[in-house]
Amino acid sequence: MNNTSSLVETTLTDSSPSPVARRILLVEDEESHARIIQRSFERHGGTFELTVASTLSEGTLALGGPAFDLVISDWRLPDGEGFDLLKDKPRCPLLIMTSHGNEQIAVEAIRAGALDYIVKSESSLVAMPNIAERAIRLWTTMAARDLAQEELRIADETLRERRKEEEWFRLVVEAAPYAIVVTRIDGLIIVVNSQTEKLFGYRREELLGQSVEMLLPEPLGAPAGWKMKAGRELFGLHKDGSEIPIEISLDPISTSGGQFLLVSIADITERRKAEEHLQLFQTLVEGVQDYAIFMLDPEGNVISWNE
């Protein structure tokens, strides 16, 4: 047994350049096994920073410092099991070694989060640098795969949320009691509701991709002035060429896909007719010279009269 309580860190390099040293933590209480593994790394010729600990507590202490690329640990340690090294620690690849190889131990090692399981033998201890390199490559590949899967999951979730938002927007637009048109900043129509079809006489497919000027001949102005035009009265153009008195409200919409314009259009034909009738009535009343004419509200109060 190695009763040394301190950690041993060795930098092993060869003459060939290497961009980044691979940091490996070896936790082994058998001093003879630890020496064989150290010598095998020295002979390997790669670039490693090998830190050697002999107990679980020493290994745990080492893991509290800079991150390791790989942890190689004996299964049975004087103060615990190698599985416990990664408890409450940043995720790191772990190779478990044991002198007693059986399938049950292998299953337990993998379930506990180990990357692989190694049966101790003279050949496996000597080949530990090659085993470590393969383990690091495997871990890197798995990490890249997991990252790609996580990015794909996030993308799918984002797409589902966006589709939900688009569906809610479509439902709100369709439920509106007035015509709604959404255009790009260049004025091309990308969304209309059924009230738009009803008001202007076009089918939806006839409007999508067309300029909003086919419905609203009067220019709407630059984006900077859109918000100031709420409640503006003008004439829309029906498919049959007739003019429709309308009131529009403009609202800019900024999204990740760009800036758009939401046009809310209310048909004010009946209001215009009522105003015209009222104006005609007022003209007729004012034209009467021989009689006094006044108007009462339902409660009998005078609300209007002629000269």
Protein backbone atom coordinates (compact mmCIF):
# COMPACT_ATOMS: atom_id res chain seq x y z
CA MET A 1 0.00 0.00 0.00
CA ASN A 2 1.10 3.57 -0.61
CA ASN A 3 0.74 5.49 2.61
CA THR A 4 1.84 8.77 1.08
CA SER A 5 -0.77 11.44 1.85
CA SER A 6 0.39 13.96 -0.72
CA LEU A 7 -0.44 14.12 -4.40
CA VAL A 8 2.21 13.40 -6.99
CA GLU A 9 2.00 15.36 -10.27
CA THR A 10 4.29 14.55 -13.16
CA THR A 11 4.50 16.25 -16.54
CA LEU A 12 5.44 13.75 -19.23
CA THR A 13 6.46 15.14 -22.61
CA ASP A 14 8.36 14.16 -25.69
CA SER A 15 10.29 16.28 -28.17
CA SER A 16 7.37 16.61 -30.62
CA PRO A 17 5.12 19.65 -30.20
CA SER A 18 1.65 19.20 -28.74
CA PRO A 19 -0.96 21.98 -28.50
CA VAL A 20 -2.54 21.09 -25.15
CA ALA A 21 -1.37 18.73 -22.41
CA ARG A 22 -3.96 16.16 -21.40
CA ARG A 23 -4.49 16.17 -17.65
CA ILE A 24 -5.05 12.74 -16.12
CA LEU A 25 -5.82 11.89 -12.52
CA LEU A 26 -4.75 8.41 -11.39
CA VAL A 27 -6.19 7.19 -8.08
CA GLU A 28 -4.45 3.95 -7.13
CA ASP A 29 -3.62 2.66 -3.64
CA GLU A 30 -1.34 -0.14 -4.91
CA GLU A 31 2.05 1.57 -5.14
CA SER A 32 3.47 -1.04 -7.52
CA HIS A 33 0.53 -0.63 -9.91
CA ALA A 34 0.82 3.15 -9.78
CA ARG A 35 4.54 2.94 -10.67
CA ILE A 36 3.85 0.65 -13.65
CA ILE A 37 1.22 3.07 -14.99
CA GLN A 38 3.53 6.07 -14.47
CA ARG A 39 6.38 4.36 -16.33
CA SER A 40 4.04 3.37 -19.15
CA PHE A 41 3.04 7.00 -19.62
CA GLU A 42 6.73 8.03 -19.57
CA ARG A 43 7.53 5.50 -22.30
CA HIS A 44 4.47 6.40 -24.36
CA GLY A 45 5.92 9.67 -25.59
CA GLY A 46 2.72 11.67 -25.61
CA THR A 47 2.06 14.89 -23.70
CA PHE A 48 0.36 14.30 -20.36
CA GLU A 49 0.08 15.84 -16.94
CA LEU A 50 -0.35 12.86 -14.64
CA THR A 51 -1.53 13.47 -11.08
CA VAL A 52 -1.35 10.45 -8.77
CA ALA A 53 -3.41 10.02 -5.61
CA SER A 54 -3.63 6.97 -3.35
CA THR A 55 -6.99 7.52 -1.62
CA LEU A 56 -10.50 8.68 -2.38
CA SER A 57 -10.02 11.81 -0.28
CA GLU A 58 -6.83 12.73 -2.14
CA GLY A 59 -8.54 12.17 -5.47
CA THR A 60 -11.52 14.26 -4.40
CA LEU A 61 -9.15 17.04 -3.32
CA ALA A 62 -7.43 16.97 -6.71
CA LEU A 63 -10.78 17.18 -8.52
CA GLY A 64 -11.47 20.43 -6.69
CA GLY A 65 -8.74 22.12 -8.75
CA PRO A 66 -8.34 22.56 -12.51
CA ALA A 67 -10.38 20.17 -14.64
CA PHE A 68 -9.00 16.81 -15.75
CA ASP A 69 -9.41 15.24 -19.16
CA LEU A 70 -9.66 11.77 -17.62
CA VAL A 71 -9.84 10.06 -14.23
CA ILE A 72 -8.47 6.54 -13.83
CA SER A 73 -9.33 5.00 -10.50
CA ASP A 74 -9.14 1.68 -8.70
CA TRP A 75 -12.56 0.38 -7.78
CA ARG A 76 -11.70 -0.42 -4.16
CA LEU A 77 -9.87 2.35 -2.29
CA PRO A 78 -8.87 2.48 1.40
CA ASP A 79 -11.53 5.07 2.19
CA GLY A 80 -14.26 4.34 -0.35
CA GLU A 81 -14.97 3.39 -3.94
CA GLY A 82 -13.73 4.98 -7.14
CA PHE A 83 -17.36 5.63 -8.19
CA ASP A 84 -17.57 8.26 -5.46
CA LEU A 85 -14.96 10.48 -7.12
CA LEU A 86 -17.49 12.11 -9.41
CA LYS A 87 -20.20 12.73 -6.82
CA ASP A 88 -21.05 16.45 -6.73
CA LYS A 89 -18.19 17.13 -9.14
CA PRO A 90 -18.14 18.50 -12.71
CA ARG A 91 -18.82 15.73 -15.20
CA CYS A 92 -15.60 14.02 -16.25
CA PRO A 93 -14.77 10.70 -17.95
CA LEU A 94 -13.94 7.98 -15.42
CA LEU A 95 -12.20 4.64 -16.04
CA ILE A 96 -12.64 2.10 -13.25
CA MET A 97 -9.94 -0.53 -12.62
CA THR A 98 -10.27 -3.69 -10.56
CA SER A 99 -8.36 -6.88 -9.98
CA HIS A 100 -11.59 -8.89 -9.83
CA GLY A 101 -13.24 -8.72 -13.23
CA ASN A 102 -16.80 -9.86 -13.63
CA GLU A 103 -19.87 -8.74 -15.51
CA GLN A 104 -21.67 -7.51 -12.39
CA ILE A 105 -18.87 -5.10 -11.53
CA ALA A 106 -18.83 -3.85 -15.14
CA VAL A 107 -22.57 -3.18 -15.06
CA GLU A 108 -22.26 -1.43 -11.71
CA ALA A 109 -19.41 0.73 -13.00
CA ILE A 110 -21.32 1.88 -16.08
CA ARG A 111 -24.48 2.56 -14.06
CA ALA A 112 -22.46 4.65 -11.64
CA GLY A 113 -21.34 6.88 -14.52
CA ALA A 114 -18.01 5.31 -15.47
CA LEU A 115 -16.99 5.58 -19.10
CA ASP A 116 -15.45 2.09 -19.11
CA TYR A 117 -14.25 -0.77 -16.95
CA ILE A 118 -10.73 -2.25 -17.00
CA VAL A 119 -9.55 -5.53 -15.50
CA LYS A 120 -6.08 -5.08 -14.00
CA SER A 121 -3.35 -7.11 -15.61
CA GLU A 122 0.27 -6.49 -16.50
CA SER A 123 -0.68 -5.88 -20.12
CA SER A 124 -3.56 -3.50 -19.31
CA LEU A 125 -1.41 -1.45 -16.91
CA VAL A 126 1.35 -1.14 -19.51
CA ALA A 127 -1.20 -0.21 -22.20
CA MET A 128 -2.84 2.43 -20.00
CA PRO A 129 -1.66 5.43 -22.15
CA ASN A 130 -3.33 3.94 -25.23
CA ILE A 131 -6.43 3.09 -23.19
CA ALA A 132 -6.48 6.67 -21.88
CA GLU A 133 -6.17 8.18 -25.35
CA ARG A 134 -9.02 6.03 -26.66
CA ALA A 135 -11.14 6.96 -23.65
CA ILE A 136 -10.53 10.69 -24.18
CA ARG A 137 -11.39 10.39 -27.89
CA LEU A 138 -14.54 8.45 -27.04
CA TRP A 139 -15.55 11.00 -24.41
CA THR A 140 -14.94 13.88 -26.84
CA THR A 141 -17.07 12.15 -29.46
CA MET A 142 -19.83 11.47 -26.96
CA ALA A 143 -19.70 15.06 -25.68
CA ALA A 144 -19.95 16.40 -29.23
CA ARG A 145 -22.86 14.06 -29.92
CA ASP A 146 -24.61 15.08 -26.69
CA LEU A 147 -24.06 18.74 -27.52
CA ALA A 148 -25.49 18.25 -31.01
CA GLN A 149 -28.47 16.39 -29.57
CA GLU A 150 -29.03 19.13 -26.99
CA GLU A 151 -28.81 21.82 -29.68
CA LEU A 152 -31.27 19.82 -31.79
CA ARG A 153 -33.60 19.47 -28.79
CA ILE A 154 -33.44 23.20 -28.13
CA ALA A 155 -34.03 23.94 -31.81
CA ASP A 156 -37.02 21.57 -31.87
CA GLU A 157 -38.42 23.11 -28.69
CA THR A 158 -37.91 26.61 -30.07
CA LEU A 159 -39.61 25.58 -33.31
CA ARG A 160 -42.55 24.10 -31.40
CA GLU A 161 -42.89 27.26 -29.31
CA ARG A 162 -42.70 29.41 -32.42
CA ARG A 163 -45.38 27.30 -34.09
CA LYS A 164 -47.56 27.69 -31.01
CA GLU A 165 -47.06 31.45 -31.11
CA GLU A 166 -47.85 31.51 -34.82
CA GLU A 167 -50.98 29.43 -34.24
CA TRP A 168 -52.14 31.76 -31.45
CA PHE A 169 -51.44 34.76 -33.67
CA ARG A 170 -53.41 33.17 -36.51
CA LEU A 171 -56.35 32.44 -34.19
CA VAL A 172 -56.33 36.01 -32.83
CA VAL A 173 -56.15 37.47 -36.34
CA GLU A 174 -58.99 35.26 -37.56
CA ALA A 175 -61.13 36.10 -34.53
CA ALA A 176 -60.80 39.86 -35.07
CA PRO A 177 -64.09 41.57 -36.08
CA TYR A 178 -62.25 43.77 -38.58
CA ALA A 179 -59.86 43.23 -41.47
CA ILE A 180 -56.19 42.60 -40.58
CA VAL A 181 -53.31 42.69 -43.03
CA VAL A 182 -49.65 42.05 -42.16
CA THR A 183 -47.00 43.25 -44.60
CA ARG A 184 -43.25 43.18 -44.85
CA ILE A 185 -41.37 46.45 -44.62
CA ASP A 186 -41.44 46.64 -48.43
CA GLY A 187 -45.26 46.46 -48.41
CA LEU A 188 -45.73 42.87 -49.60
CA ILE A 189 -48.67 41.12 -47.91
CA ILE A 190 -47.82 38.00 -45.87
CA VAL A 191 -50.96 37.58 -43.70
CA VAL A 192 -54.65 38.39 -44.16
CA ASN A 193 -57.73 37.22 -42.29
CA SER A 194 -61.19 36.25 -43.54
CA GLN A 195 -62.55 39.74 -42.77
CA THR A 196 -60.07 41.13 -45.29
CA GLU A 197 -61.42 38.77 -47.94
CA LYS A 198 -64.96 39.80 -47.08
CA LEU A 199 -64.24 43.55 -47.10
CA PHE A 200 -62.20 43.75 -50.29
CA GLY A 201 -63.66 40.86 -52.30
CA TYR A 202 -60.36 39.01 -52.87
CA ARG A 203 -59.51 35.43 -52.01
CA ARG A 204 -56.62 35.01 -49.60
CA GLU A 205 -54.33 33.45 -52.20
CA GLU A 206 -54.91 36.46 -54.47
CA LEU A 207 -53.52 38.81 -51.82
CA LEU A 208 -50.55 36.94 -50.37
CA GLY A 209 -47.29 38.13 -51.90
CA GLN A 210 -48.94 41.19 -53.48
CA SER A 211 -48.35 44.84 -52.63
CA VAL A 212 -50.65 46.32 -50.01
CA GLU A 213 -51.25 49.17 -52.47
CA MET A 214 -53.78 46.98 -54.29
CA LEU A 215 -55.99 47.44 -51.19
CA LEU A 216 -54.73 50.80 -49.91
CA PRO A 217 -53.66 52.95 -52.85
CA GLU A 218 -52.64 55.85 -50.61
CA PRO A 219 -49.04 55.38 -49.37
CA LEU A 220 -48.77 54.40 -45.70
CA GLY A 221 -45.51 56.25 -45.18
CA ALA A 222 -42.13 55.23 -43.80
CA PRO A 223 -41.80 52.83 -40.84
CA ALA A 224 -40.81 55.70 -38.54
CA GLY A 225 -44.27 57.21 -38.94
CA TRP A 226 -46.36 54.05 -38.76
CA LYS A 227 -47.28 54.33 -35.10
CA MET A 228 -48.47 57.94 -35.53
CA LYS A 229 -51.08 57.01 -38.13
CA ALA A 230 -53.49 55.16 -35.82
CA GLY A 231 -57.14 55.97 -36.55
CA ARG A 232 -56.50 57.45 -39.98
CA GLU A 233 -59.47 57.63 -42.38
CA LEU A 234 -59.02 57.00 -46.09
CA PHE A 235 -60.44 54.95 -48.96
CA GLY A 236 -59.65 51.32 -49.71
CA LEU A 237 -60.00 49.76 -53.13
CA HIS A 238 -62.40 46.85 -53.65
CA LYS A 239 -61.66 44.13 -56.19
CA ASP A 240 -64.46 45.50 -58.42
CA GLY A 241 -62.74 48.91 -58.46
CA SER A 242 -65.13 50.67 -56.09
CA GLU A 243 -63.84 52.72 -53.16
CA ILE A 244 -64.53 51.72 -49.54
CA PRO A 245 -64.41 54.29 -46.73
CA ILE A 246 -62.18 52.79 -44.06
CA GLU A 247 -60.33 53.66 -40.89
CA ILE A 248 -56.90 52.10 -40.37
CA SER A 249 -54.53 51.65 -37.46
CA LEU A 250 -50.85 50.87 -38.08
CA ASP A 251 -48.57 49.03 -35.68
CA PRO A 252 -44.96 47.99 -36.37
CA ILE A 253 -43.99 44.44 -35.35
CA SER A 254 -40.33 43.63 -34.69
CA THR A 255 -39.32 39.95 -34.73
CA SER A 256 -36.15 37.91 -35.18
CA GLY A 257 -37.17 37.62 -38.82
CA GLY A 258 -37.29 41.38 -39.35
CA GLN A 259 -39.75 44.26 -39.09
CA PHE A 260 -43.36 44.02 -40.25
CA LEU A 261 -46.45 46.20 -40.33
CA LEU A 262 -49.80 45.18 -38.89
CA VAL A 263 -52.69 47.05 -40.53
CA SER A 264 -56.09 46.97 -38.80
CA ILE A 265 -58.87 48.07 -41.15
CA ALA A 266 -62.42 48.98 -40.11
CA ASP A 267 -65.22 49.51 -42.63
CA ILE A 268 -66.82 52.90 -41.85
CA THR A 269 -69.32 52.86 -44.71
CA GLU A 270 -72.33 52.90 -42.35
CA ARG A 271 -70.79 55.63 -40.23
CA ARG A 272 -70.20 57.76 -43.29
CA LYS A 273 -73.81 57.22 -44.38
CA ALA A 274 -75.06 58.21 -40.94
CA GLU A 275 -72.92 61.34 -41.01
CA GLU A 276 -74.21 62.20 -44.47
CA HIS A 277 -77.82 61.68 -43.35
CA LEU A 278 -77.26 63.84 -40.30
CA GLN A 279 -75.69 66.55 -42.41
CA LEU A 280 -78.61 66.41 -44.86
CA PHE A 281 -81.11 66.58 -42.02
CA GLN A 282 -79.29 69.55 -40.50
CA THR A 283 -79.29 71.31 -43.88
CA LEU A 284 -83.04 70.72 -44.31
CA VAL A 285 -83.78 71.97 -40.80
CA GLU A 286 -81.71 75.08 -41.27
CA GLY A 287 -83.49 75.75 -44.57
CA VAL A 288 -86.93 76.10 -42.92
CA GLN A 289 -87.69 79.83 -42.42
CA ASP A 290 -91.35 79.97 -41.36
CA TYR A 291 -91.36 77.49 -38.49
CA ALA A 292 -89.37 76.95 -35.32
CA ILE A 293 -88.01 73.42 -35.30
CA PHE A 294 -86.25 71.78 -32.38
CA MET A 295 -85.22 68.26 -31.48
CA LEU A 296 -85.76 66.54 -28.14
CA ASP A 297 -83.90 63.59 -26.63
CA PRO A 298 -85.90 60.63 -25.19
CA GLU A 299 -86.12 62.46 -21.84
CA GLY A 300 -87.65 65.57 -23.43
CA ASN A 301 -84.56 67.77 -23.34
CA VAL A 302 -83.91 70.11 -26.26
CA ILE A 303 -80.75 69.09 -28.08
CA SER A 304 -80.99 71.01 -31.39
CA TRP A 305 -82.99 73.77 -33.06
CA ASN A 306 -83.04 75.97 -36.13
CA GLU A 307 -82.69 79.71 -36.42
